Protein backbone atom coordinates (compact mmCIF):
# COMPACT_ATOMS: atom_id res chain seq x y z
CA MET A 1 0.00 0.00 0.00
CA ALA A 2 2.71 2.48 0.96
CA ALA A 3 4.66 1.52 -2.17
CA GLU A 4 1.64 2.27 -4.38
CA ALA A 5 1.15 5.61 -2.64
CA ALA A 6 4.81 6.40 -3.21
CA HIS A 7 4.47 5.43 -6.85
CA LEU A 8 1.73 8.05 -7.17
CA GLY A 9 3.91 10.58 -5.35
CA LEU A 10 1.56 10.80 -2.37
CA GLU A 11 3.02 12.11 0.89
CA ARG A 12 -0.26 12.83 2.72
CA ALA A 13 -3.03 10.49 1.58
CA LEU A 14 -6.43 10.81 3.22
CA VAL A 15 -8.21 7.46 3.55
CA VAL A 16 -11.93 7.68 2.71
CA ALA A 17 -14.30 4.99 3.98
CA THR A 18 -17.73 4.34 5.45
CA SER A 19 -18.30 3.91 9.17
CA GLY A 20 -18.34 0.47 10.80
CA SER A 21 -16.46 -2.21 8.87
CA GLY A 22 -15.33 0.40 6.36
CA ALA A 23 -13.70 2.40 9.12
CA ARG A 24 -11.92 -0.71 10.37
CA LEU A 25 -10.52 -1.34 6.90
CA GLY A 26 -9.61 2.33 6.64
CA ALA A 27 -7.73 2.18 9.93
CA ARG A 28 -5.75 -0.81 8.67
CA ILE A 29 -4.82 1.12 5.54
CA VAL A 30 -3.76 4.15 7.58
CA LYS A 31 -1.33 1.88 9.45
CA LEU A 32 -0.03 0.43 6.19
CA LEU A 33 0.51 3.90 4.77
CA ALA A 34 2.36 4.90 7.95
CA ALA A 35 4.02 8.28 7.43
CA ARG A 36 2.24 8.75 4.11
CA ALA A 37 -1.21 8.84 5.77
CA ALA A 38 -3.00 12.13 6.39
CA GLY A 39 -5.73 10.46 8.44
CA LEU A 40 -9.04 8.66 8.08
CA HIS A 41 -12.36 10.18 6.97
CA ALA A 42 -14.96 7.47 7.61
CA GLU A 43 -18.11 9.43 6.74
CA ALA A 44 -19.04 8.03 3.32
CA VAL A 45 -22.68 7.12 2.71
CA VAL A 46 -24.52 5.82 -0.33
CA HIS A 47 -25.49 8.31 -3.08
CA VAL A 48 -23.04 10.94 -1.71
CA PRO A 49 -25.35 13.62 -0.28
CA LYS A 50 -24.06 17.09 -1.14
CA ALA A 51 -23.55 18.01 2.51
CA VAL A 52 -21.46 14.87 3.05
CA ALA A 53 -19.34 15.74 0.00
CA GLN A 54 -18.80 19.31 1.18
CA ALA A 55 -17.75 18.13 4.64
CA ALA A 56 -15.32 15.65 3.08
CA ILE A 57 -13.80 18.33 0.86
CA ALA A 58 -13.31 20.54 3.92
CA ALA A 59 -11.71 17.64 5.82
CA THR A 60 -9.38 16.95 2.90
CA GLN A 61 -8.25 20.57 2.80
CA ALA A 62 -7.83 20.69 6.59
CA ALA A 63 -5.66 17.57 6.45
CA ARG A 64 -3.54 19.13 3.68
CA ALA A 65 -3.97 15.89 1.77
CA ASP A 66 -2.24 15.45 -1.57
CA GLY A 67 -4.19 12.33 -2.52
CA LEU A 68 -7.00 10.00 -1.56
CA VAL A 69 -7.31 6.30 -0.79
CA ALA A 70 -10.89 5.09 -1.34
CA ALA A 71 -11.35 1.96 0.78
CA GLY A 72 -14.56 -0.04 0.43
CA GLY A 73 -17.54 -0.17 -1.90
CA GLY A 74 -19.37 2.32 -4.06
CA ALA A 75 -20.10 4.73 -1.20
CA ALA A 76 -16.43 5.22 -0.33
CA ILE A 77 -15.32 5.41 -3.94
CA GLY A 78 -18.19 7.78 -4.75
CA LEU A 79 -17.19 10.16 -1.96
CA ALA A 80 -13.55 10.07 -3.05
CA LYS A 81 -14.71 10.95 -6.55
CA ALA A 82 -16.69 13.92 -5.24
CA ILE A 83 -13.58 15.17 -3.47
CA ALA A 84 -11.41 14.64 -6.55
CA LEU A 85 -13.91 16.46 -8.74
CA GLU A 86 -13.45 19.57 -6.60
CA THR A 87 -9.74 19.25 -5.77
CA SER A 88 -8.26 17.24 -8.70
CA LEU A 89 -6.45 15.02 -6.18
CA PRO A 90 -5.44 11.54 -7.38
CA ILE A 91 -7.33 8.51 -6.06
CA LEU A 92 -5.93 5.12 -5.13
CA ALA A 93 -8.92 2.76 -4.90
CA VAL A 94 -9.17 -0.42 -2.82
CA PRO A 95 -12.61 -1.83 -3.75
CA THR A 96 -14.25 -4.45 -1.55
CA THR A 97 -17.46 -4.98 -3.54
CA TYR A 98 -18.26 -5.65 -7.18
CA SER A 99 -19.88 -2.42 -8.39
CA GLY A 100 -16.99 -1.54 -10.70
CA SER A 101 -17.19 2.17 -9.84
CA GLU A 102 -13.42 2.25 -9.42
CA THR A 103 -12.88 2.09 -13.19
CA THR A 104 -15.34 4.73 -14.38
CA PRO A 105 -15.30 8.52 -14.86
CA ILE A 106 -18.88 8.71 -13.54
CA TRP A 107 -19.53 10.72 -10.38
CA GLY A 108 -22.79 11.41 -8.59
CA THR A 109 -24.15 13.42 -5.68
CA THR A 110 -27.63 13.90 -4.25
CA GLU A 111 -29.43 16.93 -2.96
CA GLY A 112 -32.98 16.65 -1.72
CA ASP A 113 -34.65 14.00 -3.86
CA ARG A 114 -32.52 14.60 -6.96
CA LYS A 115 -29.37 12.79 -7.97
CA ILE A 116 -26.92 14.65 -10.17
CA THR A 117 -24.41 12.64 -12.18
CA GLY A 118 -21.65 13.53 -14.60
CA ARG A 119 -18.45 12.35 -16.23
CA ASP A 120 -15.00 13.72 -15.56
CA GLN A 121 -11.60 12.10 -16.02
CA ARG A 122 -10.40 13.72 -12.78
CA VAL A 123 -12.43 11.22 -10.75
CA VAL A 124 -10.98 8.07 -12.35
CA PRO A 125 -8.68 6.37 -9.80
CA ARG A 126 -5.05 6.36 -10.87
CA THR A 127 -4.44 2.96 -9.28
CA VAL A 128 -6.80 0.16 -8.25
CA LEU A 129 -5.74 -2.58 -5.83
CA TYR A 130 -7.85 -5.75 -5.98
CA ASP A 131 -7.47 -8.19 -3.10
CA PRO A 132 -10.00 -11.05 -2.81
CA ASP A 133 -9.06 -11.51 0.84
CA LEU A 134 -10.68 -8.16 1.60
CA THR A 135 -13.99 -9.47 0.25
CA LEU A 136 -14.16 -12.74 2.21
CA GLY A 137 -16.23 -11.14 4.96
CA LEU A 138 -18.66 -9.44 2.57
CA PRO A 139 -22.22 -10.47 3.54
CA ALA A 140 -24.14 -12.58 1.05
CA ALA A 141 -26.72 -9.83 0.49
CA VAL A 142 -24.06 -7.23 -0.34
CA THR A 143 -22.18 -9.73 -2.51
CA ALA A 144 -25.31 -10.45 -4.50
CA ALA A 145 -26.53 -6.87 -4.82
CA SER A 146 -23.17 -5.41 -5.86
CA GLY A 147 -22.68 -8.26 -8.32
CA MET A 148 -26.09 -7.56 -9.84
CA ASN A 149 -25.11 -3.89 -10.10
CA ALA A 150 -22.07 -4.90 -12.17
CA ILE A 151 -24.16 -7.29 -14.26
CA ALA A 152 -26.40 -4.33 -15.07
CA HIS A 153 -23.36 -2.47 -16.44
CA CYS A 154 -22.71 -5.36 -18.80
CA VAL A 155 -26.30 -5.85 -19.93
CA GLU A 156 -26.71 -2.15 -20.68
CA GLY A 157 -23.38 -2.13 -22.48
CA LEU A 158 -24.89 -4.40 -25.14
CA TRP A 159 -27.51 -1.90 -26.30
CA ILE A 160 -26.22 1.63 -25.66
CA ARG A 161 -25.39 3.80 -28.66
CA GLU A 162 -21.74 4.09 -27.57
CA ARG A 163 -21.12 0.33 -27.61
CA THR A 164 -18.14 -1.01 -29.55
CA PRO A 165 -17.00 -4.53 -30.45
CA VAL A 166 -14.46 -4.27 -27.63
CA THR A 167 -16.86 -3.14 -24.91
CA MET A 168 -19.42 -5.75 -25.94
CA ALA A 169 -16.76 -8.47 -25.78
CA LEU A 170 -15.75 -7.29 -22.30
CA ALA A 171 -19.41 -7.24 -21.23
CA CYS A 172 -19.98 -10.80 -22.40
CA GLU A 173 -16.82 -12.03 -20.70
CA ALA A 174 -17.85 -10.40 -17.42
CA LEU A 175 -21.36 -11.82 -17.68
CA ALA A 176 -20.03 -15.32 -18.24
CA ARG A 177 -17.77 -15.03 -15.18
CA PHE A 178 -20.54 -13.63 -12.98
CA THR A 179 -22.93 -16.35 -14.12
CA GLN A 180 -20.48 -19.00 -13.01
CA TYR A 181 -18.92 -17.45 -9.93
CA LEU A 182 -21.36 -14.99 -8.34
CA PRO A 183 -23.74 -17.72 -7.12
CA ARG A 184 -20.73 -19.48 -5.60
CA ALA A 185 -19.57 -16.34 -3.81
CA VAL A 186 -23.09 -15.71 -2.50
CA ALA A 187 -23.48 -19.31 -1.28
CA ASP A 188 -20.01 -19.47 0.30
CA GLY A 189 -18.37 -16.18 1.17
CA SER A 190 -15.09 -17.96 1.95
CA ASP A 191 -14.75 -19.24 -1.63
CA ARG A 192 -11.63 -17.25 -2.45
CA ASP A 193 -11.44 -18.40 -6.08
CA ALA A 194 -15.03 -17.28 -6.71
CA ARG A 195 -14.33 -13.97 -4.99
CA ALA A 196 -11.27 -13.38 -7.17
CA GLU A 197 -13.18 -14.17 -10.36
CA CYS A 198 -15.96 -11.77 -9.33
CA LEU A 199 -13.38 -9.01 -8.87
CA VAL A 200 -12.08 -9.69 -12.40
CA ALA A 201 -15.65 -9.54 -13.69
CA ALA A 202 -16.29 -6.33 -11.75
CA TRP A 203 -13.26 -4.70 -13.34
CA LEU A 204 -14.48 -5.73 -16.78
CA ALA A 205 -18.00 -4.48 -16.01
CA GLY A 206 -16.76 -1.12 -14.82
CA THR A 207 -14.68 -0.77 -17.97
CA VAL A 208 -17.83 -1.41 -20.03
CA LEU A 209 -19.65 1.35 -18.14
CA THR A 210 -17.10 3.95 -19.26
CA GLY A 211 -18.78 3.91 -22.67
CA GLY A 212 -22.12 5.32 -21.61
CA THR A 213 -25.44 4.46 -20.00
CA GLY A 214 -29.04 4.04 -21.06
CA LEU A 215 -32.49 3.58 -19.60
CA HIS A 216 -31.46 1.18 -16.86
CA HIS A 217 -28.81 3.34 -15.20
CA LYS A 218 -30.66 6.58 -15.75
CA LEU A 219 -33.79 5.16 -14.15
CA ALA A 220 -31.72 3.81 -11.25
CA HIS A 221 -30.15 7.22 -10.73
CA VAL A 222 -33.54 8.92 -10.55
CA LEU A 223 -34.66 6.33 -8.01
CA GLY A 224 -31.42 6.81 -6.10
CA GLY A 225 -32.27 10.46 -5.64
CA LEU A 226 -35.28 9.29 -3.63
CA GLY A 227 -32.97 7.49 -1.23
CA LEU A 228 -33.41 3.94 -2.53
CA PRO A 229 -30.38 1.67 -2.04
CA HIS A 230 -28.21 1.81 -5.14
CA ALA A 231 -27.19 -1.79 -5.85
CA GLU A 232 -30.49 -3.31 -4.77
CA THR A 233 -32.42 -0.92 -7.01
CA HIS A 234 -30.25 -1.91 -9.97
CA ALA A 235 -30.95 -5.58 -9.29
CA ILE A 236 -34.71 -5.14 -8.94
CA ILE A 237 -35.31 -3.18 -12.12
CA LEU A 238 -32.80 -5.02 -14.34
CA PRO A 239 -35.07 -7.85 -15.57
CA HIS A 240 -37.89 -5.38 -16.31
CA VAL A 241 -35.72 -2.93 -18.28
CA THR A 242 -34.03 -5.81 -20.09
CA ARG A 243 -37.36 -7.29 -21.19
CA PHE A 244 -38.44 -3.87 -22.47
CA ASN A 245 -35.24 -3.11 -24.39
CA LEU A 246 -34.55 -6.54 -25.86
CA ALA A 247 -37.82 -6.28 -27.77
CA SER A 248 -35.96 -3.79 -29.99
CA ALA A 249 -32.39 -5.07 -29.68
CA GLU A 250 -32.02 -8.46 -31.35
CA ASP A 251 -28.23 -8.34 -31.48
CA ALA A 252 -28.09 -7.59 -27.75
CA ARG A 253 -30.53 -10.43 -27.07
CA VAL A 254 -28.39 -12.91 -28.98
CA ARG A 255 -25.18 -11.81 -27.27
CA LEU A 256 -26.80 -11.81 -23.84
CA ALA A 257 -28.31 -15.26 -24.35
CA ARG A 258 -24.92 -16.60 -25.38
CA ALA A 259 -23.12 -15.00 -22.41
CA LEU A 260 -25.69 -16.31 -19.93
CA ALA A 261 -25.93 -19.70 -21.67
CA ALA A 262 -29.72 -19.44 -21.82
CA ASP A 263 -32.38 -19.09 -24.49
CA ASP A 264 -34.26 -16.51 -22.40
CA PRO A 265 -31.76 -14.15 -20.72
CA VAL A 266 -34.51 -12.24 -18.91
CA LEU A 267 -35.49 -15.40 -17.04
CA VAL A 268 -31.88 -15.87 -15.95
CA LEU A 269 -31.64 -12.30 -14.64
CA ALA A 270 -34.98 -12.63 -12.86
CA GLY A 271 -33.82 -15.94 -11.44
CA PHE A 272 -30.74 -14.28 -9.96
CA VAL A 273 -32.89 -11.67 -8.22
CA GLN A 274 -35.31 -14.29 -6.93
CA GLY A 275 -32.61 -16.69 -5.83
CA PHE A 276 -30.29 -14.23 -4.10
CA PRO A 277 -30.90 -12.90 -0.55
CA ILE A 278 -31.80 -9.41 -1.76
CA PRO A 279 -35.05 -7.40 -2.02
CA GLN A 280 -37.33 -8.56 -4.81
CA ARG A 281 -39.50 -5.49 -5.49
CA LEU A 282 -39.25 -1.72 -5.31
CA ARG A 283 -41.79 -1.71 -2.51
CA ASP A 284 -39.35 -3.86 -0.53
CA VAL A 285 -36.77 -1.04 -0.56
CA GLY A 286 -39.17 1.72 0.44
CA PHE A 287 -40.30 3.09 -2.91
CA ASP A 288 -43.54 5.05 -2.69
CA GLN A 289 -45.89 3.93 -5.45
CA ALA A 290 -47.29 7.47 -5.63
CA ARG A 291 -43.90 8.62 -7.01
CA ILE A 292 -44.21 6.50 -10.17
CA PRO A 293 -45.61 9.33 -12.37
CA ASP A 294 -42.87 11.74 -11.26
CA VAL A 295 -40.04 9.25 -11.80
CA ALA A 296 -41.52 8.17 -15.14
CA ALA A 297 -41.74 11.77 -16.29
CA GLN A 298 -38.10 12.37 -15.36
CA ALA A 299 -37.04 9.27 -17.28
CA ALA A 300 -39.04 10.30 -20.35
CA ALA A 301 -37.55 13.80 -20.24
CA LEU A 302 -34.07 12.34 -20.75
CA GLY A 303 -34.94 11.62 -24.39
CA ILE A 304 -33.54 8.10 -24.46
CA LYS A 305 -33.57 6.66 -28.00
CA GLU A 306 -31.37 3.54 -27.82
CA PRO A 307 -32.34 0.82 -28.36
CA ARG A 308 -35.88 2.26 -28.34
CA SER A 309 -37.63 5.46 -27.33
CA VAL A 310 -39.01 5.61 -23.80
CA SER A 311 -42.26 7.44 -23.07
CA ALA A 312 -43.55 8.35 -19.64
CA GLU A 313 -46.12 5.59 -20.06
CA ASP A 314 -43.38 3.06 -20.85
CA ALA A 315 -41.37 4.07 -17.81
CA ALA A 316 -44.44 4.02 -15.57
CA ALA A 317 -45.28 0.49 -16.71
CA LEU A 318 -41.73 -0.67 -15.92
CA LEU A 319 -41.87 0.90 -12.47
CA ALA A 320 -45.29 -0.57 -11.75
CA ALA A 321 -44.05 -4.04 -12.69
CA ALA A 322 -40.94 -3.63 -10.55
CA TYR A 323 -43.05 -2.32 -7.68
């Protein structure tokens, strides 16, 4: 860890983490960094509320940090990105889940019930350290949900306008690995080989996401602004969005069926959600059914055209089914 920080030229690296187990990992990294550590900021929370981001930026400046170590899952990496967006400090990421956020230029913050996202190369970590041993204690529910989040990156990568032969190949490779190894990691958290393969798949999935996003991620971001859990929301809506989009994306359907080794890829995705220890419906994660028209209108206003146009009625039907 200290050697990687030195390689990046960091003399005062601030470790960013969540509270609880994230803080314990952060404290371990502070010790490993030794004299190169500027302290630990264990205040990261999901969706990066604007106030949390502002407090973290202030803490970074007070610590006179010259770099960041993001230790943990999407919440920690997301907060580090928010800091980097404002300060241009380099990030060294140590991911412990499978979201793949550590490879993307996508940042996001929330204010009120709105989530704001963007793309900026300043938030891409300069170095990523993958260690399957750090994921052995990941609960089955978090393993499953974060893996489904990464699977969503891959599925969407097969139909977005920005897709390329390379990104589609990476998506299919990641999907094949997740199909084989994610159920193993969920069933037995101590399966180190499965954990390692899921980290490889997560890296591939995050690389796919750098190309762009479509209806699935944009809808998930709107829902995230309402405070719904990020990875679980991705998992819940994925089969519904996939069914909708594959009706107009035959090439994506063929590739997805091949990667999942199934004639009906939607059934496989739905089977993952139903078989994993994660919430099954939007109502299970606190979504208010009365918000469907508002969320649907926001989704329609984005003007999504690939692989098919999305009306407010279309989006409302998807949300109702997921609810």
